[in-house]
Amino acid sequence: MRIENFLKKFFYKNELEELEKLKEENKRLKKENRKLQILNSSKDELISAISHEFKNPISIINGYIETILTNDLPQEINDKFLNKIQKNTLRLSNLIDRLYLITKLENNKIKVKFTKFDLCETTKNIIESFDTDRIVLNCQKTPVFADKTLIETVIYNLISNALKYSKQEITVNINKYFEVIDKGKGIDEKEIDLIKQKFYRIAKNDWDNSLGLGLAIVDKILKLHKTKLEIQSEKGKGSRFYFDITSLKNKVQE
């Protein structure tokens, strides 16, 4: 009887152990399944976002081309339509460039090329490319040591973002910080941390040629330069986007 009881306990213990192993394996599989669901959801969101952003300019381009091909229009109208086609083609190119850049940044495939340049002069040149009198620049000669091409992308994205969400004058200041201040719509406090994430946009129903990548790109580029994007905003009053440039100025002295 003792041997029989021992065998029962032994096999019962083994069954319990096997049962516990099965439970742990089931938990692991559930976690893996959840990860796959999240991954698939992210892919779906990506495809949906890209489809939405590309569909608008492609439809516009096709519309103008069809009109030109099927109508005997005056040259003046043809030229106007061709300009519209070119503008939307550039928008598509910009979208592709942003997707390519964010992919390279996320996969650490960007080679940072540090050079010395004047941040104030570089900013002036970028502001001129916007062809608007709504930008006020306050700066003096500011030598920095950074990747000029990447920092130009940061400056362009921050100014472009401010112009997009503000109809009033925006201010760009360069001192200890590089800052862009607008008097636009402002951002809800709960959204401030979210807007640095890729594909996140506040104006989700507006086609703004960004895919919600502008600030995500800025954030990742600044991290490569050992600084970070800071945001202060109040709903209905405007926003301040800025980053500390002390480390970039100090590198000039090294």
C-alpha atoms as a PDB file:
ATOM      1  CA  MET A   1       0.000   0.000   0.000  1.00  0.00           C
ATOM      2  CA  ARG A   2       2.839   2.359   0.851  1.00  0.00           C
ATOM      3  CA  ILE A   3       4.396   1.795  -2.541  1.00  0.00           C
ATOM      4  CA  GLU A   4       1.025   2.304  -4.193  1.00  0.00           C
ATOM      5  CA  ASN A   5       0.445   5.591  -2.314  1.00  0.00           C
ATOM      6  CA  PHE A   6       3.934   6.750  -3.188  1.00  0.00           C
ATOM      7  CA  LEU A   7       3.355   6.031  -6.859  1.00  0.00           C
ATOM      8  CA  LYS A   8       0.060   7.906  -6.782  1.00  0.00           C
ATOM      9  CA  LYS A   9       1.717  10.933  -5.171  1.00  0.00           C
ATOM     10  CA  PHE A  10       4.622  10.754  -7.596  1.00  0.00           C
ATOM     11  CA  PHE A  11       2.456  10.643 -10.686  1.00  0.00           C
ATOM     12  CA  TYR A  12       0.105  13.259  -9.269  1.00  0.00           C
ATOM     13  CA  LYS A  13       3.073  15.567  -8.650  1.00  0.00           C
ATOM     14  CA  ASN A  14       4.280  15.029 -12.194  1.00  0.00           C
ATOM     15  CA  GLU A  15       0.837  15.812 -13.544  1.00  0.00           C
ATOM     16  CA  LEU A  16       0.747  19.035 -11.530  1.00  0.00           C
ATOM     17  CA  GLU A  17       4.158  20.037 -12.849  1.00  0.00           C
ATOM     18  CA  GLU A  18       3.099  19.316 -16.407  1.00  0.00           C
ATOM     19  CA  LEU A  19      -0.079  21.285 -15.839  1.00  0.00           C
ATOM     20  CA  GLU A  20       1.915  24.262 -14.533  1.00  0.00           C
ATOM     21  CA  LYS A  21       4.212  24.053 -17.557  1.00  0.00           C
ATOM     22  CA  LEU A  22       1.207  24.063 -19.869  1.00  0.00           C
ATOM     23  CA  LYS A  23      -0.223  27.088 -18.058  1.00  0.00           C
ATOM     24  CA  GLU A  24       3.069  28.986 -18.416  1.00  0.00           C
ATOM     25  CA  GLU A  25       3.309  28.043 -22.080  1.00  0.00           C
ATOM     26  CA  ASN A  26      -0.259  29.196 -22.608  1.00  0.00           C
ATOM     27  CA  LYS A  27       0.556  32.547 -20.987  1.00  0.00           C
ATOM     28  CA  ARG A  28       3.628  32.906 -23.213  1.00  0.00           C
ATOM     29  CA  LEU A  29       1.627  32.125 -26.328  1.00  0.00           C
ATOM     30  CA  LYS A  30      -1.035  34.655 -25.326  1.00  0.00           C
ATOM     31  CA  LYS A  31       1.654  37.334 -24.896  1.00  0.00           C
ATOM     32  CA  GLU A  32       3.178  36.478 -28.280  1.00  0.00           C
ATOM     33  CA  ASN A  33      -0.258  36.564 -29.862  1.00  0.00           C
ATOM     34  CA  ARG A  34      -0.916  39.969 -28.323  1.00  0.00           C
ATOM     35  CA  LYS A  35       2.393  41.279 -29.697  1.00  0.00           C
ATOM     36  CA  LEU A  36       1.471  40.011 -33.156  1.00  0.00           C
ATOM     37  CA  GLN A  37      -1.945  41.678 -32.904  1.00  0.00           C
ATOM     38  CA  ILE A  38      -0.309  44.985 -31.975  1.00  0.00           C
ATOM     39  CA  LEU A  39       2.228  44.601 -34.789  1.00  0.00           C
ATOM     40  CA  ASN A  40      -0.498  43.847 -37.318  1.00  0.00           C
ATOM     41  CA  SER A  41      -2.527  46.784 -36.027  1.00  0.00           C
ATOM     42  CA  SER A  42       0.500  49.096 -36.453  1.00  0.00           C
ATOM     43  CA  LYS A  43       1.025  47.828 -39.991  1.00  0.00           C
ATOM     44  CA  ASP A  44      -2.636  48.427 -40.779  1.00  0.00           C
ATOM     45  CA  GLU A  45      -2.403  51.960 -39.396  1.00  0.00           C
ATOM     46  CA  LEU A  46       0.744  52.586 -41.436  1.00  0.00           C
ATOM     47  CA  ILE A  47      -0.830  51.343 -44.659  1.00  0.00           C
ATOM     48  CA  SER A  48      -3.988  53.340 -43.948  1.00  0.00           C
ATOM     49  CA  ALA A  49      -2.017  56.520 -43.228  1.00  0.00           C
ATOM     50  CA  ILE A  50       0.132  56.200 -46.340  1.00  0.00           C
ATOM     51  CA  SER A  51      -2.874  55.380 -48.532  1.00  0.00           C
ATOM     52  CA  HIS A  52      -4.769  58.406 -47.214  1.00  0.00           C
ATOM     53  CA  GLU A  53      -1.879  60.828 -47.673  1.00  0.00           C
ATOM     54  CA  PHE A  54      -0.956  59.616 -51.152  1.00  0.00           C
ATOM     55  CA  LYS A  55      -4.512  59.357 -52.474  1.00  0.00           C
ATOM     56  CA  ASN A  56      -5.217  63.087 -52.287  1.00  0.00           C
ATOM     57  CA  PRO A  57      -2.341  64.416 -54.439  1.00  0.00           C
ATOM     58  CA  ILE A  58      -2.569  61.488 -56.860  1.00  0.00           C
ATOM     59  CA  SER A  59      -6.276  62.230 -57.414  1.00  0.00           C
ATOM     60  CA  ILE A  60      -5.467  65.895 -58.019  1.00  0.00           C
ATOM     61  CA  ILE A  61      -2.689  65.047 -60.482  1.00  0.00           C
ATOM     62  CA  ASN A  62      -4.906  62.605 -62.391  1.00  0.00           C
ATOM     63  CA  GLY A  63      -7.724  65.147 -62.524  1.00  0.00           C
ATOM     64  CA  TYR A  64      -5.559  67.865 -64.047  1.00  0.00           C
ATOM     65  CA  ILE A  65      -3.907  65.469 -66.517  1.00  0.00           C
ATOM     66  CA  GLU A  66      -7.280  64.140 -67.681  1.00  0.00           C
ATOM     67  CA  THR A  67      -8.568  67.707 -68.132  1.00  0.00           C
ATOM     68  CA  ILE A  68      -5.515  68.686 -70.204  1.00  0.00           C
ATOM     69  CA  LEU A  69      -5.721  65.573 -72.382  1.00  0.00           C
ATOM     70  CA  THR A  70      -9.465  65.736 -73.060  1.00  0.00           C
ATOM     71  CA  ASN A  71      -9.875  69.481 -73.566  1.00  0.00           C
ATOM     72  CA  ASP A  72      -8.444  72.031 -75.967  1.00  0.00           C
ATOM     73  CA  LEU A  73      -7.540  74.586 -73.300  1.00  0.00           C
ATOM     74  CA  PRO A  74      -5.751  77.918 -73.692  1.00  0.00           C
ATOM     75  CA  GLN A  75      -2.005  77.734 -72.994  1.00  0.00           C
ATOM     76  CA  GLU A  76      -2.455  79.938 -69.918  1.00  0.00           C
ATOM     77  CA  ILE A  77      -4.846  77.401 -68.351  1.00  0.00           C
ATOM     78  CA  ASN A  78      -2.601  74.484 -69.348  1.00  0.00           C
ATOM     79  CA  ASP A  79       0.366  76.163 -67.669  1.00  0.00           C
ATOM     80  CA  LYS A  80      -1.689  76.758 -64.512  1.00  0.00           C
ATOM     81  CA  PHE A  81      -2.725  73.102 -64.383  1.00  0.00           C
ATOM     82  CA  LEU A  82       0.852  71.946 -65.037  1.00  0.00           C
ATOM     83  CA  ASN A  83       2.018  74.063 -62.089  1.00  0.00           C
ATOM     84  CA  LYS A  84      -0.606  72.355 -59.914  1.00  0.00           C
ATOM     85  CA  ILE A  85       0.628  68.963 -61.106  1.00  0.00           C
ATOM     86  CA  GLN A  86       4.210  69.893 -60.297  1.00  0.00           C
ATOM     87  CA  LYS A  87       3.242  71.141 -56.834  1.00  0.00           C
ATOM     88  CA  ASN A  88       1.471  67.893 -55.958  1.00  0.00           C
ATOM     89  CA  THR A  89       4.313  65.830 -57.411  1.00  0.00           C
ATOM     90  CA  LEU A  90       6.684  67.645 -55.046  1.00  0.00           C
ATOM     91  CA  ARG A  91       4.309  66.871 -52.164  1.00  0.00           C
ATOM     92  CA  LEU A  92       4.481  63.174 -52.987  1.00  0.00           C
ATOM     93  CA  SER A  93       8.258  63.358 -53.206  1.00  0.00           C
ATOM     94  CA  ASN A  94       8.376  65.053 -49.814  1.00  0.00           C
ATOM     95  CA  LEU A  95       6.210  62.326 -48.272  1.00  0.00           C
ATOM     96  CA  ILE A  96       8.517  59.627 -49.638  1.00  0.00           C
ATOM     97  CA  ASP A  97      11.598  61.483 -48.366  1.00  0.00           C
ATOM     98  CA  ARG A  98      10.084  61.730 -44.870  1.00  0.00           C
ATOM     99  CA  LEU A  99       9.194  58.036 -44.784  1.00  0.00           C
ATOM    100  CA  TYR A 100      12.708  57.151 -45.919  1.00  0.00           C
ATOM    101  CA  LEU A 101      14.320  59.442 -43.331  1.00  0.00           C
ATOM    102  CA  ILE A 102      12.244  58.219 -40.362  1.00  0.00           C
ATOM    103  CA  THR A 103      13.008  54.604 -41.371  1.00  0.00           C
ATOM    104  CA  LYS A 104      16.749  55.295 -41.449  1.00  0.00           C
ATOM    105  CA  LEU A 105      16.604  57.139 -38.119  1.00  0.00           C
ATOM    106  CA  GLU A 106      14.701  54.315 -36.433  1.00  0.00           C
ATOM    107  CA  ASN A 107      17.112  51.689 -37.738  1.00  0.00           C
ATOM    108  CA  ASN A 108      20.226  53.690 -36.757  1.00  0.00           C
ATOM    109  CA  LYS A 109      21.350  53.927 -40.376  1.00  0.00           C
ATOM    110  CA  ILE A 110      22.018  57.660 -40.336  1.00  0.00           C
ATOM    111  CA  LYS A 111      25.697  58.636 -40.368  1.00  0.00           C
ATOM    112  CA  VAL A 112      26.010  61.941 -38.545  1.00  0.00           C
ATOM    113  CA  LYS A 113      28.533  64.236 -40.260  1.00  0.00           C
ATOM    114  CA  PHE A 114      29.589  66.975 -37.863  1.00  0.00           C
ATOM    115  CA  THR A 115      30.756  70.263 -39.347  1.00  0.00           C
ATOM    116  CA  LYS A 116      31.081  73.827 -38.077  1.00  0.00           C
ATOM    117  CA  PHE A 117      28.504  76.326 -39.391  1.00  0.00           C
ATOM    118  CA  ASP A 118      26.566  79.421 -38.349  1.00  0.00           C
ATOM    119  CA  LEU A 119      23.136  78.468 -37.031  1.00  0.00           C
ATOM    120  CA  CYS A 120      21.794  82.022 -37.422  1.00  0.00           C
ATOM    121  CA  GLU A 121      22.804  82.281 -41.085  1.00  0.00           C
ATOM    122  CA  THR A 122      21.481  78.795 -41.831  1.00  0.00           C
ATOM    123  CA  THR A 123      18.137  79.687 -40.252  1.00  0.00           C
ATOM    124  CA  LYS A 124      17.926  82.913 -42.296  1.00  0.00           C
ATOM    125  CA  ASN A 125      18.368  80.931 -45.514  1.00  0.00           C
ATOM    126  CA  ILE A 126      15.652  78.452 -44.546  1.00  0.00           C
ATOM    127  CA  ILE A 127      13.233  81.240 -43.594  1.00  0.00           C
ATOM    128  CA  GLU A 128      13.752  82.851 -47.012  1.00  0.00           C
ATOM    129  CA  SER A 129      12.682  79.579 -48.678  1.00  0.00           C
ATOM    130  CA  PHE A 130       9.199  79.903 -47.112  1.00  0.00           C
ATOM    131  CA  ASP A 131       8.594  83.138 -49.030  1.00  0.00           C
ATOM    132  CA  THR A 132       6.440  84.710 -46.304  1.00  0.00           C
ATOM    133  CA  ASP A 133       6.684  87.801 -44.128  1.00  0.00           C
ATOM    134  CA  ARG A 134       5.063  86.048 -41.139  1.00  0.00           C
ATOM    135  CA  ILE A 135       8.393  84.905 -39.666  1.00  0.00           C
ATOM    136  CA  VAL A 136      10.431  87.126 -37.305  1.00  0.00           C
ATOM    137  CA  LEU A 137      14.009  85.998 -36.620  1.00  0.00           C
ATOM    138  CA  ASN A 138      16.020  87.185 -33.619  1.00  0.00           C
ATOM    139  CA  CYS A 139      19.610  85.956 -33.642  1.00  0.00           C
ATOM    140  CA  GLN A 140      23.267  86.865 -33.867  1.00  0.00           C
ATOM    141  CA  LYS A 141      26.173  84.879 -35.245  1.00  0.00           C
ATOM    142  CA  THR A 142      25.954  81.453 -33.587  1.00  0.00           C
ATOM    143  CA  PRO A 143      28.690  78.988 -34.538  1.00  0.00           C
ATOM    144  CA  VAL A 144      27.746  75.376 -33.847  1.00  0.00           C
ATOM    145  CA  PHE A 145      29.198  71.955 -34.523  1.00  0.00           C
ATOM    146  CA  ALA A 146      26.566  69.559 -35.829  1.00  0.00           C
ATOM    147  CA  ASP A 147      25.258  67.729 -38.886  1.00  0.00           C
ATOM    148  CA  LYS A 148      24.148  70.702 -40.973  1.00  0.00           C
ATOM    149  CA  THR A 149      21.792  68.761 -43.236  1.00  0.00           C
ATOM    150  CA  LEU A 150      19.978  67.144 -40.299  1.00  0.00           C
ATOM    151  CA  ILE A 151      19.751  70.406 -38.332  1.00  0.00           C
ATOM    152  CA  GLU A 152      18.361  72.116 -41.436  1.00  0.00           C
ATOM    153  CA  THR A 153      15.642  69.445 -41.467  1.00  0.00           C
ATOM    154  CA  VAL A 154      14.897  70.208 -37.792  1.00  0.00           C
ATOM    155  CA  ILE A 155      14.642  73.954 -38.427  1.00  0.00           C
ATOM    156  CA  TYR A 156      12.483  73.531 -41.521  1.00  0.00           C
ATOM    157  CA  ASN A 157      10.102  71.113 -39.794  1.00  0.00           C
ATOM    158  CA  LEU A 158       9.661  73.310 -36.699  1.00  0.00           C
ATOM    159  CA  ILE A 159       8.994  76.474 -38.712  1.00  0.00           C
ATOM    160  CA  SER A 160       6.734  74.644 -41.180  1.00  0.00           C
ATOM    161  CA  ASN A 161       4.763  73.176 -38.289  1.00  0.00           C
ATOM    162  CA  ALA A 162       4.298  76.614 -36.685  1.00  0.00           C
ATOM    163  CA  LEU A 163       3.152  78.214 -39.952  1.00  0.00           C
ATOM    164  CA  LYS A 164       0.704  75.381 -40.530  1.00  0.00           C
ATOM    165  CA  TYR A 165      -1.130  75.793 -37.230  1.00  0.00           C
ATOM    166  CA  SER A 166      -0.906  79.572 -36.856  1.00  0.00           C
ATOM    167  CA  LYS A 167      -2.262  82.289 -39.138  1.00  0.00           C
ATOM    168  CA  GLN A 168      -0.408  84.958 -37.196  1.00  0.00           C
ATOM    169  CA  GLU A 169       3.239  85.937 -37.041  1.00  0.00           C
ATOM    170  CA  ILE A 170       5.677  83.391 -35.621  1.00  0.00           C
ATOM    171  CA  THR A 171       8.964  84.154 -33.873  1.00  0.00           C
ATOM    172  CA  VAL A 172      12.262  82.279 -34.134  1.00  0.00           C
ATOM    173  CA  ASN A 173      14.838  83.011 -31.424  1.00  0.00           C
ATOM    174  CA  ILE A 174      18.386  81.712 -31.150  1.00  0.00           C
ATOM    175  CA  ASN A 175      20.317  82.184 -27.891  1.00  0.00           C
ATOM    176  CA  LYS A 176      20.793  79.396 -25.361  1.00  0.00           C
ATOM    177  CA  TYR A 177      17.858  77.719 -27.062  1.00  0.00           C
ATOM    178  CA  PHE A 178      16.644  77.452 -30.600  1.00  0.00           C
ATOM    179  CA  GLU A 179      12.959  78.228 -30.246  1.00  0.00           C
ATOM    180  CA  VAL A 180       9.947  78.667 -32.497  1.00  0.00           C
ATOM    181  CA  ILE A 181       7.000  80.482 -30.920  1.00  0.00           C
ATOM    182  CA  ASP A 182       3.551  80.763 -32.477  1.00  0.00           C
ATOM    183  CA  LYS A 183       0.176  82.172 -31.467  1.00  0.00           C
ATOM    184  CA  GLY A 184      -1.825  79.405 -33.071  1.00  0.00           C
ATOM    185  CA  LYS A 185      -4.315  76.791 -31.966  1.00  0.00           C
ATOM    186  CA  GLY A 186      -2.193  75.429 -29.155  1.00  0.00           C
ATOM    187  CA  ILE A 187      -2.132  71.824 -27.992  1.00  0.00           C
ATOM    188  CA  ASP A 188      -4.068  69.990 -25.298  1.00  0.00           C
ATOM    189  CA  GLU A 189      -1.814  68.980 -22.412  1.00  0.00           C
ATOM    190  CA  LYS A 190      -2.677  65.302 -22.948  1.00  0.00           C
ATOM    191  CA  GLU A 191      -1.448  65.495 -26.557  1.00  0.00           C
ATOM    192  CA  ILE A 192       1.920  67.173 -25.954  1.00  0.00           C
ATOM    193  CA  ASP A 193       3.766  63.891 -25.352  1.00  0.00           C
ATOM    194  CA  LEU A 194       1.904  62.186 -28.195  1.00  0.00           C
ATOM    195  CA  ILE A 195       2.754  64.592 -31.000  1.00  0.00           C
ATOM    196  CA  LYS A 196       6.386  63.458 -31.069  1.00  0.00           C
ATOM    197  CA  GLN A 197       5.208  60.001 -32.080  1.00  0.00           C
ATOM    198  CA  LYS A 198       5.220  59.117 -35.769  1.00  0.00           C
ATOM    199  CA  PHE A 199       1.883  59.098 -37.576  1.00  0.00           C
ATOM    200  CA  TYR A 200       0.251  61.099 -34.771  1.00  0.00           C
ATOM    201  CA  ARG A 201      -1.478  64.260 -35.943  1.00  0.00           C
ATOM    202  CA  ILE A 202      -3.721  66.667 -34.075  1.00  0.00           C
ATOM    203  CA  ALA A 203      -5.648  67.670 -37.203  1.00  0.00           C
ATOM    204  CA  LYS A 204      -6.389  64.103 -38.278  1.00  0.00           C
ATOM    205  CA  ASN A 205      -8.991  65.157 -40.849  1.00  0.00           C
ATOM    206  CA  ASP A 206      -6.719  67.619 -42.630  1.00  0.00           C
ATOM    207  CA  TRP A 207      -4.339  66.578 -45.363  1.00  0.00           C
ATOM    208  CA  ASP A 208      -1.177  68.376 -44.297  1.00  0.00           C
ATOM    209  CA  ASN A 209       1.460  66.546 -46.333  1.00  0.00           C
ATOM    210  CA  SER A 210       3.209  65.248 -43.235  1.00  0.00           C
ATOM    211  CA  LEU A 211       1.942  61.794 -42.261  1.00  0.00           C
ATOM    212  CA  GLY A 212       2.509  63.062 -38.739  1.00  0.00           C
ATOM    213  CA  LEU A 213       6.267  62.558 -39.161  1.00  0.00           C
ATOM    214  CA  GLY A 214       7.664  66.086 -38.811  1.00  0.00           C
ATOM    215  CA  LEU A 215       8.087  66.242 -35.032  1.00  0.00           C
ATOM    216  CA  ALA A 216       9.027  62.547 -34.792  1.00  0.00           C
ATOM    217  CA  ILE A 217      11.900  63.252 -37.190  1.00  0.00           C
ATOM    218  CA  VAL A 218      12.908  66.365 -35.222  1.00  0.00           C
ATOM    219  CA  ASP A 219      12.918  64.435 -31.947  1.00  0.00           C
ATOM    220  CA  LYS A 220      15.124  61.642 -33.292  1.00  0.00           C
ATOM    221  CA  ILE A 221      17.603  64.013 -34.981  1.00  0.00           C
ATOM    222  CA  LEU A 222      18.016  66.077 -31.815  1.00  0.00           C
ATOM    223  CA  LYS A 223      18.682  62.927 -29.772  1.00  0.00           C
ATOM    224  CA  LEU A 224      21.541  62.152 -32.163  1.00  0.00           C
ATOM    225  CA  HIS A 225      22.932  65.561 -31.190  1.00  0.00           C
ATOM    226  CA  LYS A 226      22.597  64.927 -27.440  1.00  0.00           C
ATOM    227  CA  THR A 227      19.740  67.356 -26.968  1.00  0.00           C
ATOM    228  CA  LYS A 228      15.948  67.018 -27.086  1.00  0.00           C
ATOM    229  CA  LEU A 229      12.785  68.699 -28.292  1.00  0.00           C
ATOM    230  CA  GLU A 230      10.815  70.497 -25.586  1.00  0.00           C
ATOM    231  CA  ILE A 231       7.231  71.718 -26.004  1.00  0.00           C
ATOM    232  CA  GLN A 232       5.217  74.279 -24.060  1.00  0.00           C
ATOM    233  CA  SER A 233       1.686  74.998 -25.186  1.00  0.00           C
ATOM    234  CA  GLU A 234      -1.664  76.346 -24.089  1.00  0.00           C
ATOM    235  CA  LYS A 235      -4.862  75.534 -25.938  1.00  0.00           C
ATOM    236  CA  GLY A 236      -6.077  78.538 -27.938  1.00  0.00           C
ATOM    237  CA  LYS A 237      -3.003  80.673 -27.151  1.00  0.00           C
ATOM    238  CA  GLY A 238      -0.103  79.111 -29.000  1.00  0.00           C
ATOM    239  CA  SER A 239       2.993  76.969 -28.578  1.00  0.00           C
ATOM    240  CA  ARG A 240       6.717  77.094 -28.012  1.00  0.00           C
ATOM    241  CA  PHE A 241       8.915  74.413 -29.556  1.00  0.00           C
ATOM    242  CA  TYR A 242      12.546  74.593 -28.484  1.00  0.00           C
ATOM    243  CA  PHE A 243      15.779  72.728 -27.832  1.00  0.00           C
ATOM    244  CA  ASP A 244      18.967  73.540 -25.923  1.00  0.00           C
ATOM    245  CA  ILE A 245      21.896  74.272 -28.254  1.00  0.00           C
ATOM    246  CA  THR A 246      24.531  74.564 -25.503  1.00  0.00           C
ATOM    247  CA  SER A 247      26.131  71.230 -26.406  1.00  0.00           C
ATOM    248  CA  LEU A 248      26.290  72.225 -30.087  1.00  0.00           C
ATOM    249  CA  LYS A 249      28.017  75.517 -29.226  1.00  0.00           C
ATOM    250  CA  ASN A 250      30.390  73.882 -26.744  1.00  0.00           C
ATOM    251  CA  LYS A 251      31.583  71.398 -29.364  1.00  0.00           C
ATOM    252  CA  VAL A 252      32.956  74.331 -31.370  1.00  0.00           C
ATOM    253  CA  GLN A 253      35.387  75.025 -28.528  1.00  0.00           C
ATOM    254  CA  GLU A 254      36.579  71.420 -28.257  1.00  0.00           C
END
